Amino acid sequence: MPRLTHDKITLLAYAQLGLWGFFNYGFGPVVPLLRDEQGSSAAVAGLHSTGIAVGALLGGALFAPIARRLGRGPAIWLGLAGVAAGVAALGALHPLPATIAAVAVIATFGMMVISGVNVVLTARHGDAAPAALAEANAACAGMGILAPLVIGASMDAGLGWRPVMFVEVGLIALVALAALTFRVPLPQAAPAAAAADQPVGVTAAASAPADQPIRTAVDRPGTGGNPAASRSADAGAGDLTGDGPRRAAADRLPRAYWIAWVLMAVTGSIEVCLSLWTADVLRSHAGLSAGGASAAVAAIVCGMFAGRVAGGRVALRWPPVPLLLAALTVSLAGFALFWVAPMGWLAVTGLLVLGLGNALHYPLAISIALAVAGPAADKAAGWASYSMGVGFGIAPVGLG
């Protein structure tokens, strides 16, 4: 069994991803507050989500060349500096075009942070990288639970939501100071080209160094013990070596993959829309205050955190398709309770159940997509990242 070492670089990477999680999960409750300030419609306020989608695509494209030139560690710090600048602008500026531009800047640099943390942990931990990435995302979700609570407290105190943006800037500065104080070394300055060139959505197994063994379907998270998914990841690793015939095969994705891709886009859209508009519904239907509604959004993240912790073990025993159907059923039940609840506490309970179901939507959908992709696993994982663009860029505007 691989051993995960929690050295300084690893703990710093966890903290860096957690800083992104504070904004990522905290921005949803801010959107209806921004709409109230700017006097815009729900559809116009949804353009902030479009800004996130554009920024995410741009940041994913920029990371590889910046990491090759500066190194992975400096690229992550550059990303956090950009996030701090964008968050400060969001907290200070009021016009709609300015806030949309600020959100796009935040997403651009935030994607550099996500990409950098992924490749640093993958290169540093080899076989234990999936465990390291899981812990990093747990830190991200943990900060995501905290952010709506801080926003709600700030609203109830009469300070508004904008001071919380400067809390994010302070947290970034605090982590940077801790890294200097404890002399955390930078990761390898010369990143492996194979890892740096991967699209944002490429799996940890596919981007692992060539001298590291690839995990089997039995012990690799995300495959659920599925040999087809294991073969997909192994085929993707072979493609990185430049194998001509396998590279040609990787250019073709089967129809079943695109069905799974649509499923990822749909479930992703559901999660994004819930993040953006849940606080608004709680205010209008359940009678919560602006601060209480913003804080209550944390119930979804709590449910997703618990669902992903428990779901990893459940996925080893259940095939992905039946488990996904079960997760969708749980989500439907939670949403129904949330939608019809006349009281705030009952609506929040529905959100918690909804988060439990939503927790497994994307992990199971991506595992199904890679299982049916065969030797095209690398391309499949790369295209999967663009399903997020549908969720952030199209669904909120359409719902609004």
Protein backbone atom coordinates (compact mmCIF):
# COMPACT_ATOMS: atom_id res chain seq x y z
CA MET A 1 0.00 0.00 0.00
CA PRO A 2 1.44 3.40 -0.95
CA ARG A 3 2.39 5.70 1.90
CA LEU A 4 1.40 9.36 1.86
CA THR A 5 3.97 11.68 3.40
CA HIS A 6 2.66 14.97 4.72
CA ASP A 7 5.76 17.06 4.13
CA LYS A 8 5.88 20.86 4.00
CA ILE A 9 5.27 21.07 0.26
CA THR A 10 2.23 18.80 0.52
CA LEU A 11 0.67 20.72 3.39
CA LEU A 12 1.29 23.99 1.59
CA ALA A 13 -0.43 22.62 -1.53
CA TYR A 14 -3.44 21.66 0.60
CA ALA A 15 -3.60 25.20 1.98
CA GLN A 16 -3.24 26.74 -1.47
CA LEU A 17 -6.16 24.74 -2.86
CA GLY A 18 -8.17 25.57 0.26
CA LEU A 19 -7.69 29.27 -0.49
CA TRP A 20 -9.34 28.75 -3.86
CA GLY A 21 -12.15 26.79 -2.20
CA PHE A 22 -12.94 29.76 0.05
CA PHE A 23 -13.77 31.90 -2.98
CA ASN A 24 -15.21 29.15 -5.16
CA TYR A 25 -17.85 28.07 -2.65
CA GLY A 26 -18.35 31.53 -1.20
CA PHE A 27 -19.16 33.27 -4.46
CA GLY A 28 -22.51 31.53 -4.95
CA PRO A 29 -24.17 33.26 -1.98
CA VAL A 30 -22.71 36.58 -3.17
CA VAL A 31 -24.49 36.51 -6.56
CA PRO A 32 -28.02 37.36 -5.31
CA LEU A 33 -26.52 40.07 -3.10
CA LEU A 34 -24.75 41.52 -6.12
CA ARG A 35 -28.01 41.38 -8.06
CA ASP A 36 -29.74 43.39 -5.33
CA GLU A 37 -26.96 45.98 -5.33
CA GLN A 38 -26.84 46.36 -9.10
CA GLY A 39 -30.58 46.10 -9.69
CA SER A 40 -30.07 43.46 -12.37
CA SER A 41 -32.17 40.47 -13.39
CA ALA A 42 -31.28 36.89 -12.54
CA ALA A 43 -30.15 36.32 -16.14
CA VAL A 44 -27.84 39.34 -16.08
CA ALA A 45 -26.44 38.36 -12.69
CA GLY A 46 -25.77 34.93 -14.19
CA LEU A 47 -23.21 36.55 -16.49
CA HIS A 48 -20.82 36.39 -13.55
CA SER A 49 -20.91 32.62 -13.97
CA THR A 50 -20.10 33.09 -17.66
CA GLY A 51 -17.11 35.15 -16.59
CA ILE A 52 -15.97 32.25 -14.43
CA ALA A 53 -16.30 29.86 -17.38
CA VAL A 54 -14.25 32.10 -19.68
CA GLY A 55 -11.60 32.63 -17.03
CA ALA A 56 -11.35 28.92 -16.26
CA LEU A 57 -10.72 28.04 -19.90
CA LEU A 58 -8.13 30.80 -20.22
CA GLY A 59 -6.35 29.81 -17.01
CA GLY A 60 -6.17 26.18 -18.08
CA ALA A 61 -4.50 27.22 -21.33
CA LEU A 62 -2.02 29.56 -19.62
CA PHE A 63 -0.78 27.25 -16.88
CA ALA A 64 1.41 24.93 -18.96
CA PRO A 65 3.58 27.63 -20.64
CA ILE A 66 3.90 29.61 -17.40
CA ALA A 67 4.88 26.50 -15.44
CA ARG A 68 7.49 25.60 -18.06
CA ARG A 69 9.02 29.07 -17.83
CA LEU A 70 8.75 29.76 -14.10
CA GLY A 71 8.30 26.33 -12.51
CA ARG A 72 5.25 24.85 -10.82
CA GLY A 73 5.68 26.49 -7.42
CA PRO A 74 6.07 30.05 -8.74
CA ALA A 75 3.14 29.45 -11.11
CA ILE A 76 0.91 28.57 -8.14
CA TRP A 77 2.01 31.68 -6.25
CA LEU A 78 1.41 33.79 -9.35
CA GLY A 79 -2.08 32.29 -9.51
CA LEU A 80 -2.77 33.15 -5.87
CA ALA A 81 -1.47 36.69 -6.39
CA GLY A 82 -3.87 37.06 -9.31
CA VAL A 83 -6.73 35.66 -7.23
CA ALA A 84 -5.94 38.17 -4.47
CA ALA A 85 -5.92 41.06 -6.96
CA GLY A 86 -9.18 39.92 -8.55
CA VAL A 87 -10.91 39.38 -5.21
CA ALA A 88 -9.81 42.83 -4.01
CA ALA A 89 -11.22 44.33 -7.21
CA LEU A 90 -14.50 42.46 -6.73
CA GLY A 91 -14.77 43.79 -3.19
CA ALA A 92 -14.04 47.37 -4.23
CA LEU A 93 -15.86 47.78 -7.56
CA HIS A 94 -19.62 48.17 -8.06
CA PRO A 95 -20.52 48.44 -11.79
CA LEU A 96 -21.71 45.23 -13.44
CA PRO A 97 -19.02 45.12 -16.17
CA ALA A 98 -16.32 45.63 -13.53
CA THR A 99 -17.54 42.81 -11.29
CA ILE A 100 -17.86 40.42 -14.24
CA ALA A 101 -14.32 41.28 -15.33
CA ALA A 102 -13.05 40.80 -11.77
CA VAL A 103 -14.66 37.37 -11.57
CA ALA A 104 -13.09 36.38 -14.91
CA VAL A 105 -9.66 37.42 -13.59
CA ILE A 106 -10.19 35.43 -10.40
CA ALA A 107 -11.18 32.32 -12.37
CA THR A 108 -8.21 32.66 -14.74
CA PHE A 109 -5.66 32.72 -11.93
CA GLY A 110 -7.66 30.28 -9.83
CA MET A 111 -7.43 27.66 -12.57
CA MET A 112 -3.65 28.11 -12.47
CA VAL A 113 -3.75 27.32 -8.75
CA ILE A 114 -5.86 24.20 -9.32
CA SER A 115 -3.66 22.96 -12.16
CA GLY A 116 -0.46 23.66 -10.23
CA VAL A 117 -1.58 21.89 -7.08
CA ASN A 118 -2.68 18.86 -9.11
CA VAL A 119 0.64 18.43 -10.92
CA VAL A 120 2.75 19.17 -7.81
CA LEU A 121 0.97 16.53 -5.73
CA THR A 122 0.96 14.04 -8.59
CA ALA A 123 4.69 14.40 -9.23
CA ARG A 124 5.61 14.38 -5.56
CA HIS A 125 3.60 11.38 -4.37
CA GLY A 126 3.55 8.92 -7.26
CA ASP A 127 1.34 6.00 -6.28
CA ALA A 128 -0.01 7.95 -3.31
CA ALA A 129 -1.04 10.92 -5.48
CA PRO A 130 -4.76 9.97 -5.57
CA ALA A 131 -4.83 10.04 -1.77
CA ALA A 132 -3.01 13.37 -1.72
CA LEU A 133 -5.41 14.85 -4.25
CA ALA A 134 -8.39 13.57 -2.25
CA GLU A 135 -7.08 15.24 0.90
CA ALA A 136 -6.40 18.47 -1.00
CA ASN A 137 -9.98 18.55 -2.25
CA ALA A 138 -11.21 17.82 1.26
CA ALA A 139 -9.34 20.95 2.38
CA CYS A 140 -10.99 22.83 -0.48
CA ALA A 141 -14.45 21.66 0.59
CA GLY A 142 -13.68 22.47 4.22
CA MET A 143 -12.91 26.07 3.32
CA GLY A 144 -16.04 26.01 1.19
CA ILE A 145 -18.09 25.23 4.28
CA LEU A 146 -16.50 28.15 6.11
CA ALA A 147 -16.98 30.81 3.41
CA PRO A 148 -20.82 31.01 3.36
CA LEU A 149 -20.84 31.10 7.15
CA VAL A 150 -18.45 34.06 7.18
CA ILE A 151 -20.53 35.84 4.54
CA GLY A 152 -23.70 35.23 6.54
CA ALA A 153 -22.08 36.54 9.73
CA SER A 154 -20.86 39.64 7.92
CA MET A 155 -24.33 40.29 6.52
CA ASP A 156 -25.99 39.84 9.93
CA ALA A 157 -23.46 42.25 11.44
CA GLY A 158 -24.53 44.89 8.93
CA LEU A 159 -21.15 44.95 7.18
CA GLY A 160 -22.33 43.52 3.86
CA TRP A 161 -20.53 40.85 1.86
CA ARG A 162 -17.65 42.93 0.50
CA PRO A 163 -15.41 42.76 3.61
CA VAL A 164 -15.31 38.97 3.18
CA MET A 165 -13.47 39.45 -0.12
CA PHE A 166 -10.68 41.14 1.80
CA VAL A 167 -10.70 38.24 4.27
CA GLU A 168 -9.70 36.08 1.28
CA VAL A 169 -6.83 38.48 0.52
CA GLY A 170 -5.72 38.25 4.14
CA LEU A 171 -5.82 34.45 4.10
CA ILE A 172 -3.64 34.36 0.98
CA ALA A 173 -1.15 36.72 2.63
CA LEU A 174 -1.19 34.60 5.79
CA VAL A 175 -0.40 31.39 3.89
CA ALA A 176 2.40 33.15 2.00
CA LEU A 177 3.85 34.41 5.29
CA ALA A 178 3.66 30.91 6.78
CA ALA A 179 5.48 29.49 3.75
CA LEU A 180 8.29 32.01 4.24
CA THR A 181 8.42 31.55 8.01
CA PHE A 182 8.66 27.77 7.82
CA ARG A 183 10.92 27.93 4.75
CA VAL A 184 8.79 25.68 2.61
CA PRO A 185 10.88 24.79 -0.46
CA LEU A 186 9.54 25.26 -3.96
CA PRO A 187 8.63 22.13 -5.94
CA GLN A 188 10.90 21.07 -8.79
CA ALA A 189 11.70 24.11 -10.91
CA ALA A 190 11.68 22.15 -14.18
CA PRO A 191 8.27 20.47 -14.47
CA ALA A 192 7.94 17.39 -16.60
CA ALA A 193 6.60 18.36 -19.99
CA ALA A 194 4.18 15.46 -20.01
CA ALA A 195 2.55 16.62 -16.80
CA ALA A 196 2.60 20.32 -17.58
CA ASP A 197 1.04 19.91 -21.00
CA GLN A 198 -2.00 18.01 -19.77
CA PRO A 199 -5.42 19.71 -20.02
CA VAL A 200 -7.00 20.65 -16.72
CA GLY A 201 -9.28 17.62 -16.72
CA VAL A 202 -6.56 14.97 -17.17
CA THR A 203 -6.57 12.43 -14.39
CA ALA A 204 -3.78 12.00 -11.88
CA ALA A 205 -2.97 8.56 -13.24
CA ALA A 206 -2.58 9.85 -16.79
CA SER A 207 -0.30 12.69 -15.72
CA ALA A 208 1.91 10.67 -13.39
CA PRO A 209 5.67 10.60 -14.07
CA ALA A 210 6.84 7.92 -16.44
CA ASP A 211 8.94 6.21 -13.77
CA GLN A 212 5.96 5.75 -11.45
CA PRO A 213 3.76 2.63 -11.72
CA ILE A 214 0.12 3.17 -12.61
CA ARG A 215 -2.40 2.05 -10.01
CA THR A 216 -4.59 -0.92 -10.79
CA ALA A 217 -8.37 -0.91 -10.94
CA VAL A 218 -8.50 -2.59 -7.54
CA ASP A 219 -6.75 0.22 -5.65
CA ARG A 220 -7.17 3.25 -7.92
CA PRO A 221 -9.89 5.68 -6.77
CA GLY A 222 -12.40 6.60 -9.44
CA THR A 223 -12.32 3.25 -11.27
CA GLY A 224 -14.52 1.51 -8.75
CA GLY A 225 -12.63 -1.72 -9.45
CA ASN A 226 -13.69 -1.47 -13.09
CA PRO A 227 -11.07 -3.07 -15.38
CA ALA A 228 -12.29 -1.01 -18.33
CA ALA A 229 -11.55 2.20 -16.47
CA SER A 230 -8.14 0.82 -15.48
CA ARG A 231 -7.35 -0.04 -19.10
CA SER A 232 -8.39 3.47 -20.11
CA ALA A 233 -5.97 5.04 -17.65
CA ASP A 234 -3.17 2.69 -18.65
CA ALA A 235 -3.79 3.40 -22.33
CA GLY A 236 -3.66 7.12 -21.56
CA ALA A 237 -0.28 6.67 -19.90
CA GLY A 238 0.97 4.85 -22.98
CA ASP A 239 -0.15 7.73 -25.18
CA LEU A 240 2.12 10.07 -23.29
CA THR A 241 5.14 8.13 -24.49
CA GLY A 242 4.39 9.04 -28.10
CA ASP A 243 3.16 5.66 -29.26
CA GLY A 244 1.91 6.45 -32.78
CA PRO A 245 -0.88 3.89 -33.26
CA ARG A 246 -2.20 4.46 -29.78
CA ARG A 247 -2.14 8.22 -30.29
CA ALA A 248 -4.18 7.78 -33.47
CA ALA A 249 -6.70 5.66 -31.60
CA ALA A 250 -6.90 8.35 -28.93
CA ASP A 251 -8.30 10.75 -31.54
CA ARG A 252 -11.58 8.84 -31.62
CA LEU A 253 -14.16 8.98 -28.87
CA PRO A 254 -17.15 6.60 -28.96
CA ARG A 255 -20.75 7.76 -28.91
CA ALA A 256 -21.18 6.38 -25.40
CA TYR A 257 -18.53 8.81 -24.20
CA TRP A 258 -20.50 11.80 -25.45
CA ILE A 259 -23.58 10.51 -23.63
CA ALA A 260 -21.50 10.48 -20.45
CA TRP A 261 -20.15 13.95 -21.35
CA VAL A 262 -23.70 15.30 -21.61
CA LEU A 263 -24.43 13.72 -18.24
CA MET A 264 -21.42 15.53 -16.75
CA ALA A 265 -22.57 18.81 -18.26
CA VAL A 266 -26.13 18.39 -16.97
CA THR A 267 -25.16 17.38 -13.43
CA GLY A 268 -22.50 20.09 -13.37
CA SER A 269 -25.09 22.65 -14.44
CA ILE A 270 -27.34 21.53 -11.61
CA GLU A 271 -24.57 22.04 -9.05
CA VAL A 272 -23.64 25.47 -10.40
CA CYS A 273 -27.24 26.69 -10.50
CA LEU A 274 -27.81 25.47 -6.95
CA SER A 275 -24.69 27.27 -5.80
CA LEU A 276 -25.74 30.52 -7.47
CA TRP A 277 -29.48 30.65 -6.74
CA THR A 278 -30.08 28.64 -3.55
CA ALA A 279 -29.64 31.66 -1.30
CA ASP A 280 -32.14 33.60 -3.40
CA VAL A 281 -34.76 30.83 -3.14
CA LEU A 282 -34.26 30.56 0.62
CA ARG A 283 -34.96 34.27 0.94
CA SER A 284 -38.07 34.28 -1.24
CA HIS A 285 -39.64 30.91 -0.35
CA ALA A 286 -38.41 29.95 3.12
CA GLY A 287 -38.36 33.41 4.69
CA LEU A 288 -34.68 33.49 5.63
CA SER A 289 -32.80 36.76 5.98
CA ALA A 290 -30.08 37.65 3.49
CA GLY A 291 -27.39 36.68 5.98
CA GLY A 292 -29.15 33.48 7.03
CA ALA A 293 -29.72 32.42 3.44
CA SER A 294 -26.06 33.00 2.56
CA ALA A 295 -24.92 30.92 5.53
CA ALA A 296 -27.44 28.14 4.79
CA VAL A 297 -25.78 27.43 1.43
CA ALA A 298 -23.04 25.75 3.47
CA ALA A 299 -25.48 22.86 4.00
CA ILE A 300 -24.99 21.76 0.38
CA VAL A 301 -21.22 21.79 0.75
CA CYS A 302 -21.44 19.89 4.05
CA GLY A 303 -23.54 17.24 2.36
CA MET A 304 -21.15 17.01 -0.58
CA PHE A 305 -18.16 16.74 1.76
CA ALA A 306 -19.76 13.89 3.72
CA GLY A 307 -21.01 12.22 0.54
CA ARG A 308 -17.58 12.20 -1.08
CA VAL A 309 -15.86 10.89 2.03
CA ALA A 310 -18.31 7.98 2.31
CA GLY A 311 -18.88 7.53 -1.43
CA GLY A 312 -15.29 6.58 -2.16
CA ARG A 313 -15.72 3.36 -0.20
CA VAL A 314 -19.22 2.67 -1.47
CA ALA A 315 -18.00 2.94 -5.07
CA LEU A 316 -15.67 0.00 -4.48
CA ARG A 317 -18.69 -2.24 -3.87
CA TRP A 318 -21.28 -0.88 -6.31
CA PRO A 319 -21.03 -0.54 -10.11
CA PRO A 320 -21.01 3.12 -11.17
CA VAL A 321 -24.27 3.20 -13.17
CA PRO A 322 -26.60 1.87 -10.41
CA LEU A 323 -24.77 3.99 -7.85
CA LEU A 324 -25.21 7.10 -10.00
CA LEU A 325 -28.93 6.38 -10.34
CA ALA A 326 -29.15 6.02 -6.57
CA ALA A 327 -27.30 9.33 -6.11
CA LEU A 328 -29.67 11.07 -8.53
CA THR A 329 -32.62 9.68 -6.56
CA VAL A 330 -31.19 11.04 -3.31
CA SER A 331 -30.65 14.43 -4.98
CA LEU A 332 -34.22 14.47 -6.28
CA ALA A 333 -35.59 13.71 -2.82
CA GLY A 334 -33.45 16.43 -1.25
CA PHE A 335 -34.46 18.98 -3.89
CA ALA A 336 -38.15 18.18 -3.45
CA LEU A 337 -37.87 18.74 0.30
CA PHE A 338 -35.95 21.98 -0.23
CA TRP A 339 -38.43 23.31 -2.81
CA VAL A 340 -41.66 22.66 -0.91
CA ALA A 341 -40.38 23.41 2.60
CA PRO A 342 -42.28 26.33 4.17
CA MET A 343 -39.78 26.67 7.01
CA GLY A 344 -36.11 27.55 6.87
CA TRP A 345 -34.78 24.63 8.92
CA LEU A 346 -36.68 22.12 6.77
CA ALA A 347 -35.34 23.69 3.57
CA VAL A 348 -31.79 23.50 4.95
CA THR A 349 -32.34 19.82 5.76
CA GLY A 350 -33.35 19.29 2.14
CA LEU A 351 -30.15 21.03 1.03
CA LEU A 352 -28.08 18.69 3.18
CA VAL A 353 -29.73 15.64 1.59
CA LEU A 354 -29.33 17.24 -1.83
CA GLY A 355 -25.61 17.69 -1.21
CA LEU A 356 -25.25 14.03 -0.23
CA GLY A 357 -26.63 12.99 -3.61
CA ASN A 358 -24.79 15.64 -5.63
CA ALA A 359 -21.49 14.54 -4.12
CA LEU A 360 -21.26 11.51 -6.41
CA HIS A 361 -22.63 12.94 -9.66
CA TYR A 362 -19.38 14.14 -11.21
CA PRO A 363 -17.02 11.43 -9.81
CA LEU A 364 -19.25 8.65 -11.13
CA ALA A 365 -19.97 10.35 -14.46
CA ILE A 366 -16.27 10.87 -15.19
CA SER A 367 -15.49 7.26 -14.25
CA ILE A 368 -18.17 6.05 -16.69
CA ALA A 369 -16.83 8.35 -19.41
CA LEU A 370 -13.27 7.08 -19.03
CA ALA A 371 -14.42 3.46 -18.88
CA VAL A 372 -16.12 3.69 -22.28
CA ALA A 373 -13.37 5.81 -23.87
CA GLY A 374 -10.95 2.90 -24.20
CA PRO A 375 -7.55 3.99 -25.58
CA ALA A 376 -8.81 7.58 -25.92
CA ALA A 377 -8.66 8.14 -22.15
CA ASP A 378 -6.35 11.17 -22.38
CA LYS A 379 -8.55 12.99 -24.85
CA ALA A 380 -11.64 11.95 -22.93
CA ALA A 381 -10.32 13.42 -19.69
CA GLY A 382 -9.30 16.63 -21.43
CA TRP A 383 -12.70 17.13 -23.07
CA ALA A 384 -14.40 16.37 -19.76
CA SER A 385 -13.03 19.60 -18.32
CA TYR A 386 -15.00 21.56 -20.92
CA SER A 387 -18.26 20.21 -19.56
CA MET A 388 -17.64 22.62 -16.68
CA GLY A 389 -17.84 25.46 -19.16
CA VAL A 390 -21.43 24.47 -19.95
CA GLY A 391 -22.28 24.46 -16.26
CA PHE A 392 -20.73 27.85 -15.53
CA GLY A 393 -21.33 29.62 -18.81
CA ILE A 394 -24.73 28.56 -20.15
CA ALA A 395 -26.95 27.00 -17.48
CA PRO A 396 -27.17 29.95 -15.03
CA VAL A 397 -28.03 32.42 -17.81
CA GLY A 398 -30.67 30.06 -19.21
CA LEU A 399 -32.19 29.51 -15.78
CA GLY A 400 -32.21 33.24 -15.09
